[in-house]
Amino acid sequence: MQKLLVGSALAVAALVVAPQVEAQSRSVEFGGAAGVAFPTGDLGEGANTGFRIGGLAQFQPSGWPVGLRGEVNYTSLTGETIGTGAGRVELGSTNVLEATGNAIYNFNAPKDATTSFYVIGGAGLYNVNRGGDTNFGLNGGAGVNFNLGGFRAFAEARAVR
């Protein structure tokens, strides 16, 4: 059951600013992310919208459409207050610490384009404060890259199970 609770969180609007470091014929990027987390499924019945922050390292071989991204993220969702026959009960918050490895497929875009689209998917370990369980999970989503004053940024939506 805990896996289902962790897996039903959805993070959207993560904006990451990642300065590029060129190394021979490949690029490595480092960045940070901040976004909104919307709980869904079983988790959505006991948790409110929260936030998500994290860091990443991304490797994209020059000329390849597929890259790799490693991430460490923290998600915090506040608990709802529900009415029961005995009165109102406040459910505790849910915090998730995750470490994931992901593959990113970048769709072709002209070299001078200011935006490009991609899909992302991967797997990792997710530690939930409720019960202290660490579980294996999967994630997948899509995003858009764009230029932001000399930096490369992106916005993405991802589902986690």
C-alpha atoms as a PDB file:
ATOM      1  CA  MET A   1       0.000   0.000   0.000  1.00  0.00           C
ATOM      2  CA  GLN A   2       2.832   2.396   0.820  1.00  0.00           C
ATOM      3  CA  LYS A   3       4.234   1.988  -2.714  1.00  0.00           C
ATOM      4  CA  LEU A   4       0.904   3.097  -4.135  1.00  0.00           C
ATOM      5  CA  LEU A   5       0.853   6.169  -1.906  1.00  0.00           C
ATOM      6  CA  VAL A   6       4.344   7.234  -2.914  1.00  0.00           C
ATOM      7  CA  GLY A   7       3.710   6.442  -6.545  1.00  0.00           C
ATOM      8  CA  SER A   8       0.689   8.616  -6.985  1.00  0.00           C
ATOM      9  CA  ALA A   9       2.445  11.977  -6.575  1.00  0.00           C
ATOM     10  CA  LEU A  10       2.674  14.203  -9.644  1.00  0.00           C
ATOM     11  CA  ALA A  11       5.179  17.037  -9.893  1.00  0.00           C
ATOM     12  CA  VAL A  12       4.637  19.809 -12.402  1.00  0.00           C
ATOM     13  CA  ALA A  13       6.190  23.094 -13.374  1.00  0.00           C
ATOM     14  CA  ALA A  14       9.680  22.204 -12.214  1.00  0.00           C
ATOM     15  CA  LEU A  15      11.929  24.996 -13.437  1.00  0.00           C
ATOM     16  CA  VAL A  16      15.610  24.185 -13.520  1.00  0.00           C
ATOM     17  CA  VAL A  17      18.388  26.537 -14.409  1.00  0.00           C
ATOM     18  CA  ALA A  18      21.440  24.549 -15.441  1.00  0.00           C
ATOM     19  CA  PRO A  19      24.620  26.264 -16.628  1.00  0.00           C
ATOM     20  CA  GLN A  20      26.324  24.181 -19.293  1.00  0.00           C
ATOM     21  CA  VAL A  21      29.853  22.819 -18.897  1.00  0.00           C
ATOM     22  CA  GLU A  22      31.357  21.697 -22.196  1.00  0.00           C
ATOM     23  CA  ALA A  23      33.792  18.769 -22.014  1.00  0.00           C
ATOM     24  CA  GLN A  24      35.270  17.682 -25.352  1.00  0.00           C
ATOM     25  CA  SER A  25      32.397  16.342 -27.504  1.00  0.00           C
ATOM     26  CA  ARG A  26      29.836  15.944 -24.731  1.00  0.00           C
ATOM     27  CA  SER A  27      28.090  18.273 -22.290  1.00  0.00           C
ATOM     28  CA  VAL A  28      27.455  17.850 -18.596  1.00  0.00           C
ATOM     29  CA  GLU A  29      24.885  20.001 -16.829  1.00  0.00           C
ATOM     30  CA  PHE A  30      24.244  20.562 -13.145  1.00  0.00           C
ATOM     31  CA  GLY A  31      21.142  22.212 -11.795  1.00  0.00           C
ATOM     32  CA  GLY A  32      18.529  22.657  -9.152  1.00  0.00           C
ATOM     33  CA  ALA A  33      14.764  22.315  -9.370  1.00  0.00           C
ATOM     34  CA  ALA A  34      11.732  23.683  -7.582  1.00  0.00           C
ATOM     35  CA  GLY A  35       8.120  22.901  -8.341  1.00  0.00           C
ATOM     36  CA  VAL A  36       4.634  22.028  -7.221  1.00  0.00           C
ATOM     37  CA  ALA A  37       3.626  18.475  -6.222  1.00  0.00           C
ATOM     38  CA  PHE A  38      -0.008  17.390  -6.682  1.00  0.00           C
ATOM     39  CA  PRO A  39      -0.916  14.183  -4.807  1.00  0.00           C
ATOM     40  CA  THR A  40      -3.259  11.824  -6.677  1.00  0.00           C
ATOM     41  CA  GLY A  41      -4.727   8.366  -6.100  1.00  0.00           C
ATOM     42  CA  ASP A  42      -4.741   7.085  -2.508  1.00  0.00           C
ATOM     43  CA  LEU A  43      -2.267   9.769  -1.459  1.00  0.00           C
ATOM     44  CA  GLY A  44      -4.553  12.498  -2.800  1.00  0.00           C
ATOM     45  CA  GLU A  45      -7.254  11.412  -0.329  1.00  0.00           C
ATOM     46  CA  GLY A  46      -5.108  12.362   2.682  1.00  0.00           C
ATOM     47  CA  ALA A  47      -2.626  14.967   1.470  1.00  0.00           C
ATOM     48  CA  ASN A  48      -2.727  18.486   0.076  1.00  0.00           C
ATOM     49  CA  THR A  49      -0.694  20.068  -2.701  1.00  0.00           C
ATOM     50  CA  GLY A  50       2.920  20.572  -1.678  1.00  0.00           C
ATOM     51  CA  PHE A  51       6.331  21.430  -3.015  1.00  0.00           C
ATOM     52  CA  ARG A  52       9.274  19.619  -4.573  1.00  0.00           C
ATOM     53  CA  ILE A  53      12.942  20.676  -4.603  1.00  0.00           C
ATOM     54  CA  GLY A  54      16.023  18.879  -5.839  1.00  0.00           C
ATOM     55  CA  GLY A  55      19.303  18.750  -7.657  1.00  0.00           C
ATOM     56  CA  LEU A  56      20.451  17.031 -10.825  1.00  0.00           C
ATOM     57  CA  ALA A  57      23.392  16.088 -12.996  1.00  0.00           C
ATOM     58  CA  GLN A  58      22.708  15.451 -16.674  1.00  0.00           C
ATOM     59  CA  PHE A  59      24.941  13.983 -19.381  1.00  0.00           C
ATOM     60  CA  GLN A  60      24.097  14.411 -23.068  1.00  0.00           C
ATOM     61  CA  PRO A  61      26.574  12.991 -25.627  1.00  0.00           C
ATOM     62  CA  SER A  62      26.971  15.439 -28.514  1.00  0.00           C
ATOM     63  CA  GLY A  63      24.732  14.513 -31.440  1.00  0.00           C
ATOM     64  CA  TRP A  64      22.806  11.831 -29.512  1.00  0.00           C
ATOM     65  CA  PRO A  65      19.050  12.138 -28.961  1.00  0.00           C
ATOM     66  CA  VAL A  66      19.217  10.239 -25.624  1.00  0.00           C
ATOM     67  CA  GLY A  67      20.824  11.563 -22.445  1.00  0.00           C
ATOM     68  CA  LEU A  68      21.045  10.464 -18.819  1.00  0.00           C
ATOM     69  CA  ARG A  69      19.959  12.402 -15.725  1.00  0.00           C
ATOM     70  CA  GLY A  70      20.586  11.563 -12.073  1.00  0.00           C
ATOM     71  CA  GLU A  71      18.429  13.344  -9.496  1.00  0.00           C
ATOM     72  CA  VAL A  72      17.968  13.726  -5.759  1.00  0.00           C
ATOM     73  CA  ASN A  73      14.601  15.274  -4.830  1.00  0.00           C
ATOM     74  CA  TYR A  74      12.604  16.083  -1.711  1.00  0.00           C
ATOM     75  CA  THR A  75       8.796  16.342  -1.816  1.00  0.00           C
ATOM     76  CA  SER A  76       6.671  17.647   1.066  1.00  0.00           C
ATOM     77  CA  LEU A  77       2.857  17.359   1.177  1.00  0.00           C
ATOM     78  CA  THR A  78       0.812  18.703   4.099  1.00  0.00           C
ATOM     79  CA  GLY A  79      -1.879  16.499   5.621  1.00  0.00           C
ATOM     80  CA  GLU A  80      -5.586  17.216   5.297  1.00  0.00           C
ATOM     81  CA  THR A  81      -7.950  17.785   8.186  1.00  0.00           C
ATOM     82  CA  ILE A  82     -10.898  15.409   7.941  1.00  0.00           C
ATOM     83  CA  GLY A  83     -14.133  15.143   9.865  1.00  0.00           C
ATOM     84  CA  THR A  84     -14.951  11.914  11.701  1.00  0.00           C
ATOM     85  CA  GLY A  85     -17.739  10.844  14.017  1.00  0.00           C
ATOM     86  CA  ALA A  86     -15.488  11.813  16.956  1.00  0.00           C
ATOM     87  CA  GLY A  87     -14.587  15.258  15.572  1.00  0.00           C
ATOM     88  CA  ARG A  88     -11.880  16.563  13.263  1.00  0.00           C
ATOM     89  CA  VAL A  89      -8.610  14.701  12.750  1.00  0.00           C
ATOM     90  CA  GLU A  90      -5.504  16.201  11.152  1.00  0.00           C
ATOM     91  CA  LEU A  91      -3.553  13.741   9.020  1.00  0.00           C
ATOM     92  CA  GLY A  92       0.225  14.030   9.211  1.00  0.00           C
ATOM     93  CA  SER A  93       2.347  15.415   6.427  1.00  0.00           C
ATOM     94  CA  THR A  94       4.036  13.149   3.890  1.00  0.00           C
ATOM     95  CA  ASN A  95       7.678  13.720   2.976  1.00  0.00           C
ATOM     96  CA  VAL A  96       9.472  11.758   0.262  1.00  0.00           C
ATOM     97  CA  LEU A  97      13.229  11.683  -0.355  1.00  0.00           C
ATOM     98  CA  GLU A  98      14.157  10.123  -3.687  1.00  0.00           C
ATOM     99  CA  ALA A  99      17.233   9.256  -5.734  1.00  0.00           C
ATOM    100  CA  THR A 100      16.567   8.387  -9.386  1.00  0.00           C
ATOM    101  CA  GLY A 101      18.304   7.619 -12.653  1.00  0.00           C
ATOM    102  CA  ASN A 102      16.483   8.642 -15.838  1.00  0.00           C
ATOM    103  CA  ALA A 103      16.818   8.451 -19.612  1.00  0.00           C
ATOM    104  CA  ILE A 104      15.789  11.496 -21.630  1.00  0.00           C
ATOM    105  CA  TYR A 105      14.825  11.385 -25.303  1.00  0.00           C
ATOM    106  CA  ASN A 106      15.139  14.811 -26.965  1.00  0.00           C
ATOM    107  CA  PHE A 107      13.019  15.396 -30.062  1.00  0.00           C
ATOM    108  CA  ASN A 108      14.808  16.981 -33.033  1.00  0.00           C
ATOM    109  CA  ALA A 109      14.747  20.774 -33.093  1.00  0.00           C
ATOM    110  CA  PRO A 110      16.582  23.255 -35.337  1.00  0.00           C
ATOM    111  CA  LYS A 111      19.973  24.255 -33.931  1.00  0.00           C
ATOM    112  CA  ASP A 112      18.850  27.884 -33.472  1.00  0.00           C
ATOM    113  CA  ALA A 113      15.482  26.959 -31.847  1.00  0.00           C
ATOM    114  CA  THR A 114      14.725  28.620 -28.506  1.00  0.00           C
ATOM    115  CA  THR A 115      12.615  25.656 -27.322  1.00  0.00           C
ATOM    116  CA  SER A 116      12.756  21.879 -27.692  1.00  0.00           C
ATOM    117  CA  PHE A 117      10.668  19.015 -26.320  1.00  0.00           C
ATOM    118  CA  TYR A 118      11.625  15.751 -24.585  1.00  0.00           C
ATOM    119  CA  VAL A 119      10.247  12.717 -22.776  1.00  0.00           C
ATOM    120  CA  ILE A 120      11.805  11.334 -19.600  1.00  0.00           C
ATOM    121  CA  GLY A 121      11.531   8.064 -17.716  1.00  0.00           C
ATOM    122  CA  GLY A 122      13.459   6.177 -15.102  1.00  0.00           C
ATOM    123  CA  ALA A 123      13.613   4.354 -11.805  1.00  0.00           C
ATOM    124  CA  GLY A 124      14.867   4.975  -8.312  1.00  0.00           C
ATOM    125  CA  LEU A 125      14.522   4.634  -4.574  1.00  0.00           C
ATOM    126  CA  TYR A 126      11.829   6.547  -2.698  1.00  0.00           C
ATOM    127  CA  ASN A 127      11.902   6.947   1.113  1.00  0.00           C
ATOM    128  CA  VAL A 128       8.587   7.954   2.706  1.00  0.00           C
ATOM    129  CA  ASN A 129       8.433   9.369   6.241  1.00  0.00           C
ATOM    130  CA  ARG A 130       5.168   7.485   6.941  1.00  0.00           C
ATOM    131  CA  GLY A 131       6.480   4.152   8.174  1.00  0.00           C
ATOM    132  CA  GLY A 132      10.025   4.939   7.088  1.00  0.00           C
ATOM    133  CA  ASP A 133       9.802   2.587   4.104  1.00  0.00           C
ATOM    134  CA  THR A 134      12.214   2.822   1.184  1.00  0.00           C
ATOM    135  CA  ASN A 135      10.749   1.420  -2.019  1.00  0.00           C
ATOM    136  CA  PHE A 136      11.684   1.001  -5.657  1.00  0.00           C
ATOM    137  CA  GLY A 137       9.628   3.199  -7.988  1.00  0.00           C
ATOM    138  CA  LEU A 138       9.196   4.289 -11.591  1.00  0.00           C
ATOM    139  CA  ASN A 139       8.596   7.711 -13.113  1.00  0.00           C
ATOM    140  CA  GLY A 140       7.801   9.137 -16.521  1.00  0.00           C
ATOM    141  CA  GLY A 141       6.797  12.414 -18.111  1.00  0.00           C
ATOM    142  CA  ALA A 142       7.488  15.103 -20.690  1.00  0.00           C
ATOM    143  CA  GLY A 143       8.999  18.559 -20.755  1.00  0.00           C
ATOM    144  CA  VAL A 144      10.184  21.532 -22.726  1.00  0.00           C
ATOM    145  CA  ASN A 145      13.684  23.076 -22.744  1.00  0.00           C
ATOM    146  CA  PHE A 146      14.082  26.815 -23.306  1.00  0.00           C
ATOM    147  CA  ASN A 147      16.746  29.514 -23.085  1.00  0.00           C
ATOM    148  CA  LEU A 148      16.660  31.848 -20.098  1.00  0.00           C
ATOM    149  CA  GLY A 149      19.212  34.662 -20.208  1.00  0.00           C
ATOM    150  CA  GLY A 150      22.294  32.583 -20.981  1.00  0.00           C
ATOM    151  CA  PHE A 151      21.080  29.549 -19.073  1.00  0.00           C
ATOM    152  CA  ARG A 152      19.140  26.531 -20.234  1.00  0.00           C
ATOM    153  CA  ALA A 153      15.946  25.951 -18.287  1.00  0.00           C
ATOM    154  CA  PHE A 154      13.078  23.492 -18.512  1.00  0.00           C
ATOM    155  CA  ALA A 155       9.550  22.903 -17.304  1.00  0.00           C
ATOM    156  CA  GLU A 156       8.233  19.351 -17.016  1.00  0.00           C
ATOM    157  CA  ALA A 157       5.409  17.241 -15.694  1.00  0.00           C
ATOM    158  CA  ARG A 158       6.140  13.807 -14.305  1.00  0.00           C
ATOM    159  CA  ALA A 159       4.130  11.020 -12.707  1.00  0.00           C
ATOM    160  CA  VAL A 160       5.760   8.830 -10.041  1.00  0.00           C
ATOM    161  CA  ARG A 161       4.699   5.301  -9.082  1.00  0.00           C
END
